[in-house]
Amino acid sequence: ISGYFEPPDPWKNAPTWTTDELVLAYKRSCELHGTKPIAKLVQQLQTCTPGKQEELLSLKGEKLDQKQCECLEEVLRRVQFKLLDLEASHLDDECA
């Protein structure tokens, strides 16, 4: 072996954000999709540190529909989580 390339880092060009911007982006997405923000998620977002990988995003027991999953995209494109806990969230094939 004469050399190797490191795999591309998908987070290299990720936009920078503040905690307030993250929460606002999520709430705006909820408004756009006509769904209510999940209070449990907003609480967790307020503790996120910009530029840092977070340990856990827990939506355990929250009933998620397709609109709420679309809103989660605003969060997941900005923050990297080691674990997503979606136990008992009643996801169907359209949401997954």
PDB file of N, CA and C in Angstrom:
ATOM      1  N   ILE A   1       0.861  -1.174   0.000  1.00  0.00           N
ATOM      2  CA  ILE A   1       0.000   0.000   0.000  1.00  0.00           C
ATOM      3  C   ILE A   1       0.901   1.227   0.000  1.00  0.00           C
ATOM      4  N   SER A   2       0.669   2.090  -0.954  1.00  0.00           N
ATOM      5  CA  SER A   2       1.514   3.277  -1.064  1.00  0.00           C
ATOM      6  C   SER A   2       0.839   4.528  -0.497  1.00  0.00           C
ATOM      7  N   GLY A   3      -0.418   4.453  -0.188  1.00  0.00           N
ATOM      8  CA  GLY A   3      -1.111   5.614   0.371  1.00  0.00           C
ATOM      9  C   GLY A   3      -2.592   5.317   0.541  1.00  0.00           C
ATOM     10  N   TYR A   4      -3.294   6.250   1.133  1.00  0.00           N
ATOM     11  CA  TYR A   4      -4.733   6.097   1.311  1.00  0.00           C
ATOM     12  C   TYR A   4      -5.362   7.477   1.433  1.00  0.00           C
ATOM     13  N   PHE A   5      -6.648   7.530   1.235  1.00  0.00           N
ATOM     14  CA  PHE A   5      -7.399   8.770   1.368  1.00  0.00           C
ATOM     15  C   PHE A   5      -8.354   8.645   2.550  1.00  0.00           C
ATOM     16  N   GLU A   6      -8.456   9.716   3.300  1.00  0.00           N
ATOM     17  CA  GLU A   6      -9.434   9.755   4.383  1.00  0.00           C
ATOM     18  C   GLU A   6     -10.825   9.900   3.760  1.00  0.00           C
ATOM     19  N   PRO A   7     -11.832   9.265   4.344  1.00  0.00           N
ATOM     20  CA  PRO A   7     -13.187   9.441   3.812  1.00  0.00           C
ATOM     21  C   PRO A   7     -13.633  10.889   4.003  1.00  0.00           C
ATOM     22  N   PRO A   8     -14.491  11.384   3.114  1.00  0.00           N
ATOM     23  CA  PRO A   8     -14.955  12.764   3.255  1.00  0.00           C
ATOM     24  C   PRO A   8     -15.759  12.951   4.546  1.00  0.00           C
ATOM     25  N   ASP A   9     -15.612  14.110   5.144  1.00  0.00           N
ATOM     26  CA  ASP A   9     -16.331  14.441   6.376  1.00  0.00           C
ATOM     27  C   ASP A   9     -17.613  15.192   6.003  1.00  0.00           C
ATOM     28  N   PRO A  10     -18.789  14.574   6.161  1.00  0.00           N
ATOM     29  CA  PRO A  10     -20.029  15.241   5.766  1.00  0.00           C
ATOM     30  C   PRO A  10     -20.355  16.470   6.619  1.00  0.00           C
ATOM     31  N   TRP A  11     -19.737  16.599   7.782  1.00  0.00           N
ATOM     32  CA  TRP A  11     -20.017  17.730   8.671  1.00  0.00           C
ATOM     33  C   TRP A  11     -19.050  18.886   8.450  1.00  0.00           C
ATOM     34  N   LYS A  12     -18.092  18.703   7.556  1.00  0.00           N
ATOM     35  CA  LYS A  12     -17.072  19.727   7.308  1.00  0.00           C
ATOM     36  C   LYS A  12     -17.691  21.054   6.877  1.00  0.00           C
ATOM     37  N   ASN A  13     -18.678  20.993   6.004  1.00  0.00           N
ATOM     38  CA  ASN A  13     -19.294  22.206   5.474  1.00  0.00           C
ATOM     39  C   ASN A  13     -20.674  22.475   6.065  1.00  0.00           C
ATOM     40  N   ALA A  14     -20.968  21.856   7.184  1.00  0.00           N
ATOM     41  CA  ALA A  14     -22.262  22.078   7.835  1.00  0.00           C
ATOM     42  C   ALA A  14     -22.350  23.523   8.322  1.00  0.00           C
ATOM     43  N   PRO A  15     -23.525  24.120   8.196  1.00  0.00           N
ATOM     44  CA  PRO A  15     -23.662  25.511   8.637  1.00  0.00           C
ATOM     45  C   PRO A  15     -23.480  25.645  10.147  1.00  0.00           C
ATOM     46  N   THR A  16     -22.917  26.761  10.568  1.00  0.00           N
ATOM     47  CA  THR A  16     -22.793  27.029  12.001  1.00  0.00           C
ATOM     48  C   THR A  16     -24.127  27.585  12.507  1.00  0.00           C
ATOM     49  N   TRP A  17     -24.392  27.384  13.777  1.00  0.00           N
ATOM     50  CA  TRP A  17     -25.661  27.799  14.350  1.00  0.00           C
ATOM     51  C   TRP A  17     -25.495  28.083  15.832  1.00  0.00           C
ATOM     52  N   THR A  18     -26.445  28.819  16.367  1.00  0.00           N
ATOM     53  CA  THR A  18     -26.528  29.022  17.812  1.00  0.00           C
ATOM     54  C   THR A  18     -27.724  28.205  18.310  1.00  0.00           C
ATOM     55  N   THR A  19     -27.803  28.031  19.597  1.00  0.00           N
ATOM     56  CA  THR A  19     -28.915  27.269  20.165  1.00  0.00           C
ATOM     57  C   THR A  19     -30.245  27.931  19.829  1.00  0.00           C
ATOM     58  N   ASP A  20     -30.300  29.257  19.910  1.00  0.00           N
ATOM     59  CA  ASP A  20     -31.539  29.971  19.585  1.00  0.00           C
ATOM     60  C   ASP A  20     -31.928  29.768  18.126  1.00  0.00           C
ATOM     61  N   GLU A  21     -30.942  29.789  17.222  1.00  0.00           N
ATOM     62  CA  GLU A  21     -31.218  29.568  15.797  1.00  0.00           C
ATOM     63  C   GLU A  21     -31.739  28.152  15.555  1.00  0.00           C
ATOM     64  N   LEU A  22     -31.195  27.192  16.275  1.00  0.00           N
ATOM     65  CA  LEU A  22     -31.626  25.801  16.142  1.00  0.00           C
ATOM     66  C   LEU A  22     -33.089  25.649  16.555  1.00  0.00           C
ATOM     67  N   VAL A  23     -33.437  26.186  17.697  1.00  0.00           N
ATOM     68  CA  VAL A  23     -34.812  26.099  18.194  1.00  0.00           C
ATOM     69  C   VAL A  23     -35.756  26.842  17.252  1.00  0.00           C
ATOM     70  N   LEU A  24     -35.347  28.018  16.791  1.00  0.00           N
ATOM     71  CA  LEU A  24     -36.176  28.804  15.882  1.00  0.00           C
ATOM     72  C   LEU A  24     -36.390  28.072  14.555  1.00  0.00           C
ATOM     73  N   ALA A  25     -35.345  27.457  14.014  1.00  0.00           N
ATOM     74  CA  ALA A  25     -35.468  26.710  12.755  1.00  0.00           C
ATOM     75  C   ALA A  25     -36.458  25.558  12.914  1.00  0.00           C
ATOM     76  N   TYR A  26     -36.385  24.868  14.042  1.00  0.00           N
ATOM     77  CA  TYR A  26     -37.321  23.769  14.299  1.00  0.00           C
ATOM     78  C   TYR A  26     -38.752  24.291  14.413  1.00  0.00           C
ATOM     79  N   LYS A  27     -38.953  25.357  15.173  1.00  0.00           N
ATOM     80  CA  LYS A  27     -40.301  25.903  15.354  1.00  0.00           C
ATOM     81  C   LYS A  27     -40.872  26.438  14.042  1.00  0.00           C
ATOM     82  N   ARG A  28     -40.040  27.068  13.226  1.00  0.00           N
ATOM     83  CA  ARG A  28     -40.499  27.556  11.915  1.00  0.00           C
ATOM     84  C   ARG A  28     -40.906  26.395  11.017  1.00  0.00           C
ATOM     85  N   SER A  29     -40.146  25.326  11.057  1.00  0.00           N
ATOM     86  CA  SER A  29     -40.478  24.148  10.260  1.00  0.00           C
ATOM     87  C   SER A  29     -41.812  23.559  10.719  1.00  0.00           C
ATOM     88  N   CYS A  30     -42.035  23.535  12.021  1.00  0.00           N
ATOM     89  CA  CYS A  30     -43.313  23.045  12.547  1.00  0.00           C
ATOM     90  C   CYS A  30     -44.462  23.912  12.037  1.00  0.00           C
ATOM     91  N   GLU A  31     -44.261  25.214  12.055  1.00  0.00           N
ATOM     92  CA  GLU A  31     -45.285  26.140  11.572  1.00  0.00           C
ATOM     93  C   GLU A  31     -45.550  25.906  10.085  1.00  0.00           C
ATOM     94  N   LEU A  32     -44.487  25.756   9.320  1.00  0.00           N
ATOM     95  CA  LEU A  32     -44.595  25.527   7.880  1.00  0.00           C
ATOM     96  C   LEU A  32     -45.345  24.226   7.573  1.00  0.00           C
ATOM     97  N   HIS A  33     -45.105  23.192   8.369  1.00  0.00           N
ATOM     98  CA  HIS A  33     -45.739  21.896   8.145  1.00  0.00           C
ATOM     99  C   HIS A  33     -47.080  21.750   8.876  1.00  0.00           C
ATOM    100  N   GLY A  34     -47.477  22.775   9.609  1.00  0.00           N
ATOM    101  CA  GLY A  34     -48.770  22.756  10.283  1.00  0.00           C
ATOM    102  C   GLY A  34     -48.860  21.771  11.434  1.00  0.00           C
ATOM    103  N   THR A  35     -47.787  21.696  12.214  1.00  0.00           N
ATOM    104  CA  THR A  35     -47.784  20.797  13.367  1.00  0.00           C
ATOM    105  C   THR A  35     -47.234  21.523  14.591  1.00  0.00           C
ATOM    106  N   LYS A  36     -47.572  21.024  15.749  1.00  0.00           N
ATOM    107  CA  LYS A  36     -47.145  21.642  17.007  1.00  0.00           C
ATOM    108  C   LYS A  36     -45.742  21.155  17.376  1.00  0.00           C
ATOM    109  N   PRO A  37     -44.843  22.059  17.797  1.00  0.00           N
ATOM    110  CA  PRO A  37     -43.507  21.633  18.241  1.00  0.00           C
ATOM    111  C   PRO A  37     -43.609  20.691  19.445  1.00  0.00           C
ATOM    112  N   ILE A  38     -42.728  19.724  19.493  1.00  0.00           N
ATOM    113  CA  ILE A  38     -42.697  18.770  20.601  1.00  0.00           C
ATOM    114  C   ILE A  38     -41.912  19.410  21.748  1.00  0.00           C
ATOM    115  N   ALA A  39     -42.580  19.642  22.875  1.00  0.00           N
ATOM    116  CA  ALA A  39     -41.961  20.327  24.015  1.00  0.00           C
ATOM    117  C   ALA A  39     -40.708  19.597  24.503  1.00  0.00           C
ATOM    118  N   LYS A  40     -40.771  18.272  24.541  1.00  0.00           N
ATOM    119  CA  LYS A  40     -39.633  17.462  24.989  1.00  0.00           C
ATOM    120  C   LYS A  40     -38.416  17.689  24.086  1.00  0.00           C
ATOM    121  N   LEU A  41     -38.654  17.840  22.789  1.00  0.00           N
ATOM    122  CA  LEU A  41     -37.573  18.082  21.838  1.00  0.00           C
ATOM    123  C   LEU A  41     -37.006  19.489  22.006  1.00  0.00           C
ATOM    124  N   VAL A  42     -37.870  20.475  22.155  1.00  0.00           N
ATOM    125  CA  VAL A  42     -37.416  21.861  22.333  1.00  0.00           C
ATOM    126  C   VAL A  42     -36.531  21.967  23.572  1.00  0.00           C
ATOM    127  N   GLN A  43     -36.910  21.295  24.655  1.00  0.00           N
ATOM    128  CA  GLN A  43     -36.096  21.285  25.880  1.00  0.00           C
ATOM    129  C   GLN A  43     -34.699  20.745  25.606  1.00  0.00           C
ATOM    130  N   GLN A  44     -34.626  19.648  24.855  1.00  0.00           N
ATOM    131  CA  GLN A  44     -33.330  19.041  24.551  1.00  0.00           C
ATOM    132  C   GLN A  44     -32.505  19.933  23.631  1.00  0.00           C
ATOM    133  N   LEU A  45     -33.163  20.594  22.686  1.00  0.00           N
ATOM    134  CA  LEU A  45     -32.443  21.464  21.749  1.00  0.00           C
ATOM    135  C   LEU A  45     -31.806  22.644  22.471  1.00  0.00           C
ATOM    136  N   GLN A  46     -32.444  23.114  23.517  1.00  0.00           N
ATOM    137  CA  GLN A  46     -31.920  24.255  24.265  1.00  0.00           C
ATOM    138  C   GLN A  46     -30.638  23.921  25.016  1.00  0.00           C
ATOM    139  N   THR A  47     -30.317  22.643  25.135  1.00  0.00           N
ATOM    140  CA  THR A  47     -29.081  22.245  25.819  1.00  0.00           C
ATOM    141  C   THR A  47     -27.970  21.856  24.839  1.00  0.00           C
ATOM    142  N   CYS A  48     -28.260  21.891  23.543  1.00  0.00           N
ATOM    143  CA  CYS A  48     -27.259  21.511  22.535  1.00  0.00           C
ATOM    144  C   CYS A  48     -26.148  22.551  22.450  1.00  0.00           C
ATOM    145  N   THR A  49     -24.935  22.076  22.242  1.00  0.00           N
ATOM    146  CA  THR A  49     -23.770  22.938  22.096  1.00  0.00           C
ATOM    147  C   THR A  49     -23.373  22.990  20.624  1.00  0.00           C
ATOM    148  N   PRO A  50     -23.308  24.196  20.044  1.00  0.00           N
ATOM    149  CA  PRO A  50     -22.929  24.312  18.627  1.00  0.00           C
ATOM    150  C   PRO A  50     -21.575  23.668  18.336  1.00  0.00           C
ATOM    151  N   GLY A  51     -21.517  22.912  17.230  1.00  0.00           N
ATOM    152  CA  GLY A  51     -20.268  22.309  16.792  1.00  0.00           C
ATOM    153  C   GLY A  51     -19.851  21.062  17.547  1.00  0.00           C
ATOM    154  N   LYS A  52     -20.678  20.600  18.469  1.00  0.00           N
ATOM    155  CA  LYS A  52     -20.329  19.431  19.287  1.00  0.00           C
ATOM    156  C   LYS A  52     -21.313  18.296  19.003  1.00  0.00           C
ATOM    157  N   GLN A  53     -20.797  17.075  18.934  1.00  0.00           N
ATOM    158  CA  GLN A  53     -21.669  15.918  18.774  1.00  0.00           C
ATOM    159  C   GLN A  53     -22.380  15.662  20.099  1.00  0.00           C
ATOM    160  N   GLU A  54     -23.693  15.544  20.033  1.00  0.00           N
ATOM    161  CA  GLU A  54     -24.494  15.318  21.233  1.00  0.00           C
ATOM    162  C   GLU A  54     -24.650  13.821  21.481  1.00  0.00           C
ATOM    163  N   GLU A  55     -24.806  13.444  22.727  1.00  0.00           N
ATOM    164  CA  GLU A  55     -24.931  12.036  23.103  1.00  0.00           C
ATOM    165  C   GLU A  55     -26.257  11.427  22.650  1.00  0.00           C
ATOM    166  N   LEU A  56     -27.374  12.103  22.956  1.00  0.00           N
ATOM    167  CA  LEU A  56     -28.679  11.468  22.805  1.00  0.00           C
ATOM    168  C   LEU A  56     -29.752  12.466  22.399  1.00  0.00           C
ATOM    169  N   LEU A  57     -30.600  12.042  21.479  1.00  0.00           N
ATOM    170  CA  LEU A  57     -31.847  12.741  21.191  1.00  0.00           C
ATOM    171  C   LEU A  57     -32.944  11.733  21.511  1.00  0.00           C
ATOM    172  N   SER A  58     -33.689  11.989  22.570  1.00  0.00           N
ATOM    173  CA  SER A  58     -34.704  11.037  23.023  1.00  0.00           C
ATOM    174  C   SER A  58     -36.104  11.562  22.739  1.00  0.00           C
ATOM    175  N   LEU A  59     -36.815  10.815  21.918  1.00  0.00           N
ATOM    176  CA  LEU A  59     -38.227  11.089  21.662  1.00  0.00           C
ATOM    177  C   LEU A  59     -39.052   9.874  22.089  1.00  0.00           C
ATOM    178  N   LYS A  60     -38.539   9.189  23.081  1.00  0.00           N
ATOM    179  CA  LYS A  60     -39.173   7.972  23.596  1.00  0.00           C
ATOM    180  C   LYS A  60     -40.592   8.284  24.066  1.00  0.00           C
ATOM    181  N   GLY A  61     -41.544   7.530  23.523  1.00  0.00           N
ATOM    182  CA  GLY A  61     -42.933   7.685  23.934  1.00  0.00           C
ATOM    183  C   GLY A  61     -43.685   8.807  23.241  1.00  0.00           C
ATOM    184  N   GLU A  62     -43.013   9.601  22.421  1.00  0.00           N
ATOM    185  CA  GLU A  62     -43.682  10.676  21.685  1.00  0.00           C
ATOM    186  C   GLU A  62     -44.281  10.095  20.409  1.00  0.00           C
ATOM    187  N   LYS A  63     -45.537  10.359  20.158  1.00  0.00           N
ATOM    188  CA  LYS A  63     -46.172   9.861  18.940  1.00  0.00           C
ATOM    189  C   LYS A  63     -45.768  10.771  17.781  1.00  0.00           C
ATOM    190  N   LEU A  64     -45.018  10.208  16.841  1.00  0.00           N
ATOM    191  CA  LEU A  64     -44.514  10.977  15.705  1.00  0.00           C
ATOM    192  C   LEU A  64     -45.304  10.643  14.445  1.00  0.00           C
ATOM    193  N   ASP A  65     -45.709  11.698  13.724  1.00  0.00           N
ATOM    194  CA  ASP A  65     -46.341  11.482  12.427  1.00  0.00           C
ATOM    195  C   ASP A  65     -45.402  12.004  11.338  1.00  0.00           C
ATOM    196  N   GLN A  66     -45.832  11.923  10.101  1.00  0.00           N
ATOM    197  CA  GLN A  66     -44.966  12.297   8.988  1.00  0.00           C
ATOM    198  C   GLN A  66     -44.563  13.776   9.050  1.00  0.00           C
ATOM    199  N   LYS A  67     -45.480  14.656   9.417  1.00  0.00           N
ATOM    200  CA  LYS A  67     -45.171  16.089   9.501  1.00  0.00           C
ATOM    201  C   LYS A  67     -44.102  16.355  10.555  1.00  0.00           C
ATOM    202  N   GLN A  68     -44.205  15.706  11.700  1.00  0.00           N
ATOM    203  CA  GLN A  68     -43.213  15.908  12.750  1.00  0.00           C
ATOM    204  C   GLN A  68     -41.848  15.375  12.334  1.00  0.00           C
ATOM    205  N   CYS A  69     -41.837  14.289  11.580  1.00  0.00           N
ATOM    206  CA  CYS A  69     -40.564  13.751  11.077  1.00  0.00           C
ATOM    207  C   CYS A  69     -39.923  14.720  10.092  1.00  0.00           C
ATOM    208  N   GLU A  70     -40.733  15.377   9.269  1.00  0.00           N
ATOM    209  CA  GLU A  70     -40.207  16.386   8.343  1.00  0.00           C
ATOM    210  C   GLU A  70     -39.568  17.537   9.122  1.00  0.00           C
ATOM    211  N   CYS A  71     -40.181  17.931  10.222  1.00  0.00           N
ATOM    212  CA  CYS A  71     -39.645  19.018  11.047  1.00  0.00           C
ATOM    213  C   CYS A  71     -38.327  18.619  11.707  1.00  0.00           C
ATOM    214  N   LEU A  72     -38.185  17.356  12.045  1.00  0.00           N
ATOM    215  CA  LEU A  72     -36.942  16.863  12.655  1.00  0.00           C
ATOM    216  C   LEU A  72     -35.747  17.027  11.718  1.00  0.00           C
ATOM    217  N   GLU A  73     -36.017  17.078  10.422  1.00  0.00           N
ATOM    218  CA  GLU A  73     -34.935  17.244   9.449  1.00  0.00           C
ATOM    219  C   GLU A  73     -34.148  18.524   9.720  1.00  0.00           C
ATOM    220  N   GLU A  74     -34.822  19.582  10.150  1.00  0.00           N
ATOM    221  CA  GLU A  74     -34.145  20.848  10.452  1.00  0.00           C
ATOM    222  C   GLU A  74     -33.132  20.677  11.579  1.00  0.00           C
ATOM    223  N   VAL A  75     -33.426  19.804  12.511  1.00  0.00           N
ATOM    224  CA  VAL A  75     -32.518  19.539  13.626  1.00  0.00           C
ATOM    225  C   VAL A  75     -31.374  18.639  13.171  1.00  0.00           C
ATOM    226  N   LEU A  76     -31.724  17.560  12.481  1.00  0.00           N
ATOM    227  CA  LEU A  76     -30.727  16.551  12.116  1.00  0.00           C
ATOM    228  C   LEU A  76     -29.737  17.031  11.060  1.00  0.00           C
ATOM    229  N   ARG A  77     -30.074  18.082  10.326  1.00  0.00           N
ATOM    230  CA  ARG A  77     -29.108  18.620   9.364  1.00  0.00           C
ATOM    231  C   ARG A  77     -28.097  19.554  10.035  1.00  0.00           C
ATOM    232  N   ARG A  78     -28.371  19.920  11.284  1.00  0.00           N
ATOM    233  CA  ARG A  78     -27.478  20.827  12.005  1.00  0.00           C
ATOM    234  C   ARG A  78     -26.695  20.155  13.134  1.00  0.00           C
ATOM    235  N   VAL A  79     -27.292  19.147  13.760  1.00  0.00           N
ATOM    236  CA  VAL A  79     -26.700  18.536  14.953  1.00  0.00           C
ATOM    237  C   VAL A  79     -26.478  17.044  14.716  1.00  0.00           C
ATOM    238  N   GLN A  80     -25.315  16.579  15.139  1.00  0.00           N
ATOM    239  CA  GLN A  80     -24.997  15.158  15.043  1.00  0.00           C
ATOM    240  C   GLN A  80     -25.225  14.523  16.416  1.00  0.00           C
ATOM    241  N   PHE A  81     -25.991  13.442  16.440  1.00  0.00           N
ATOM    242  CA  PHE A  81     -26.288  12.724  17.677  1.00  0.00           C
ATOM    243  C   PHE A  81     -25.687  11.327  17.604  1.00  0.00           C
ATOM    244  N   LYS A  82     -25.160  10.850  18.726  1.00  0.00           N
ATOM    245  CA  LYS A  82     -24.642   9.482  18.780  1.00  0.00           C
ATOM    246  C   LYS A  82     -25.781   8.470  18.811  1.00  0.00           C
ATOM    247  N   LEU A  83     -26.896   8.832  19.447  1.00  0.00           N
ATOM    248  CA  LEU A  83     -28.018   7.908  19.594  1.00  0.00           C
ATOM    249  C   LEU A  83     -29.341   8.651  19.446  1.00  0.00           C
ATOM    250  N   LEU A  84     -30.232   8.100  18.632  1.00  0.00           N
ATOM    251  CA  LEU A  84     -31.603   8.597  18.519  1.00  0.00           C
ATOM    252  C   LEU A  84     -32.504   7.561  19.179  1.00  0.00           C
ATOM    253  N   ASP A  85     -33.192   7.942  20.236  1.00  0.00           N
ATOM    254  CA  ASP A  85     -34.091   7.025  20.940  1.00  0.00           C
ATOM    255  C   ASP A  85     -35.518   7.304  20.481  1.00  0.00           C
ATOM    256  N   LEU A  86     -36.025   6.427  19.622  1.00  0.00           N
ATOM    257  CA  LEU A  86     -37.374   6.579  19.078  1.00  0.00           C
ATOM    258  C   LEU A  86     -38.298   5.458  19.559  1.00  0.00           C
ATOM    259  N   GLU A  87     -37.954   4.874  20.706  1.00  0.00           N
ATOM    260  CA  GLU A  87     -38.761   3.779  21.250  1.00  0.00           C
ATOM    261  C   GLU A  87     -40.186   4.249  21.513  1.00  0.00           C
ATOM    262  N   ALA A  88     -41.142   3.430  21.104  1.00  0.00           N
ATOM    263  CA  ALA A  88     -42.570   3.692  21.323  1.00  0.00           C
ATOM    264  C   ALA A  88     -43.015   5.020  20.719  1.00  0.00           C
ATOM    265  N   SER A  89     -42.443   5.374  19.566  1.00  0.00           N
ATOM    266  CA  SER A  89     -42.829   6.632  18.920  1.00  0.00           C
ATOM    267  C   SER A  89     -43.854   6.410  17.815  1.00  0.00           C
ATOM    268  N   HIS A  90     -44.307   5.173  17.648  1.00  0.00           N
ATOM    269  CA  HIS A  90     -45.386   4.827  16.718  1.00  0.00           C
ATOM    270  C   HIS A  90     -45.076   5.214  15.273  1.00  0.00           C
ATOM    271  N   LEU A  91     -43.826   5.030  14.851  1.00  0.00           N
ATOM    272  CA  LEU A  91     -43.457   5.334  13.472  1.00  0.00           C
ATOM    273  C   LEU A  91     -44.037   4.284  12.532  1.00  0.00           C
ATOM    274  N   ASP A  92     -44.502   4.747  11.373  1.00  0.00           N
ATOM    275  CA  ASP A  92     -44.948   3.804  10.350  1.00  0.00           C
ATOM    276  C   ASP A  92     -43.983   3.878   9.163  1.00  0.00           C
ATOM    277  N   ASP A  93     -44.274   3.149   8.110  1.00  0.00           N
ATOM    278  CA  ASP A  93     -43.376   3.102   6.957  1.00  0.00           C
ATOM    279  C   ASP A  93     -43.166   4.470   6.318  1.00  0.00           C
ATOM    280  N   GLU A  94     -44.182   5.326   6.329  1.00  0.00           N
ATOM    281  CA  GLU A  94     -44.060   6.640   5.706  1.00  0.00           C
ATOM    282  C   GLU A  94     -43.137   7.562   6.494  1.00  0.00           C
ATOM    283  N   CYS A  95     -43.106   7.406   7.803  1.00  0.00           N
ATOM    284  CA  CYS A  95     -42.258   8.250   8.645  1.00  0.00           C
ATOM    285  C   CYS A  95     -40.816   7.760   8.673  1.00  0.00           C
ATOM    286  N   ALA A  96     -40.631   6.468   8.613  1.00  0.00           N
ATOM    287  CA  ALA A  96     -39.296   5.889   8.707  1.00  0.00           C
ATOM    288  C   ALA A  96     -38.573   6.123   7.434  1.00  0.00           C
TER     289      ALA A  96
END
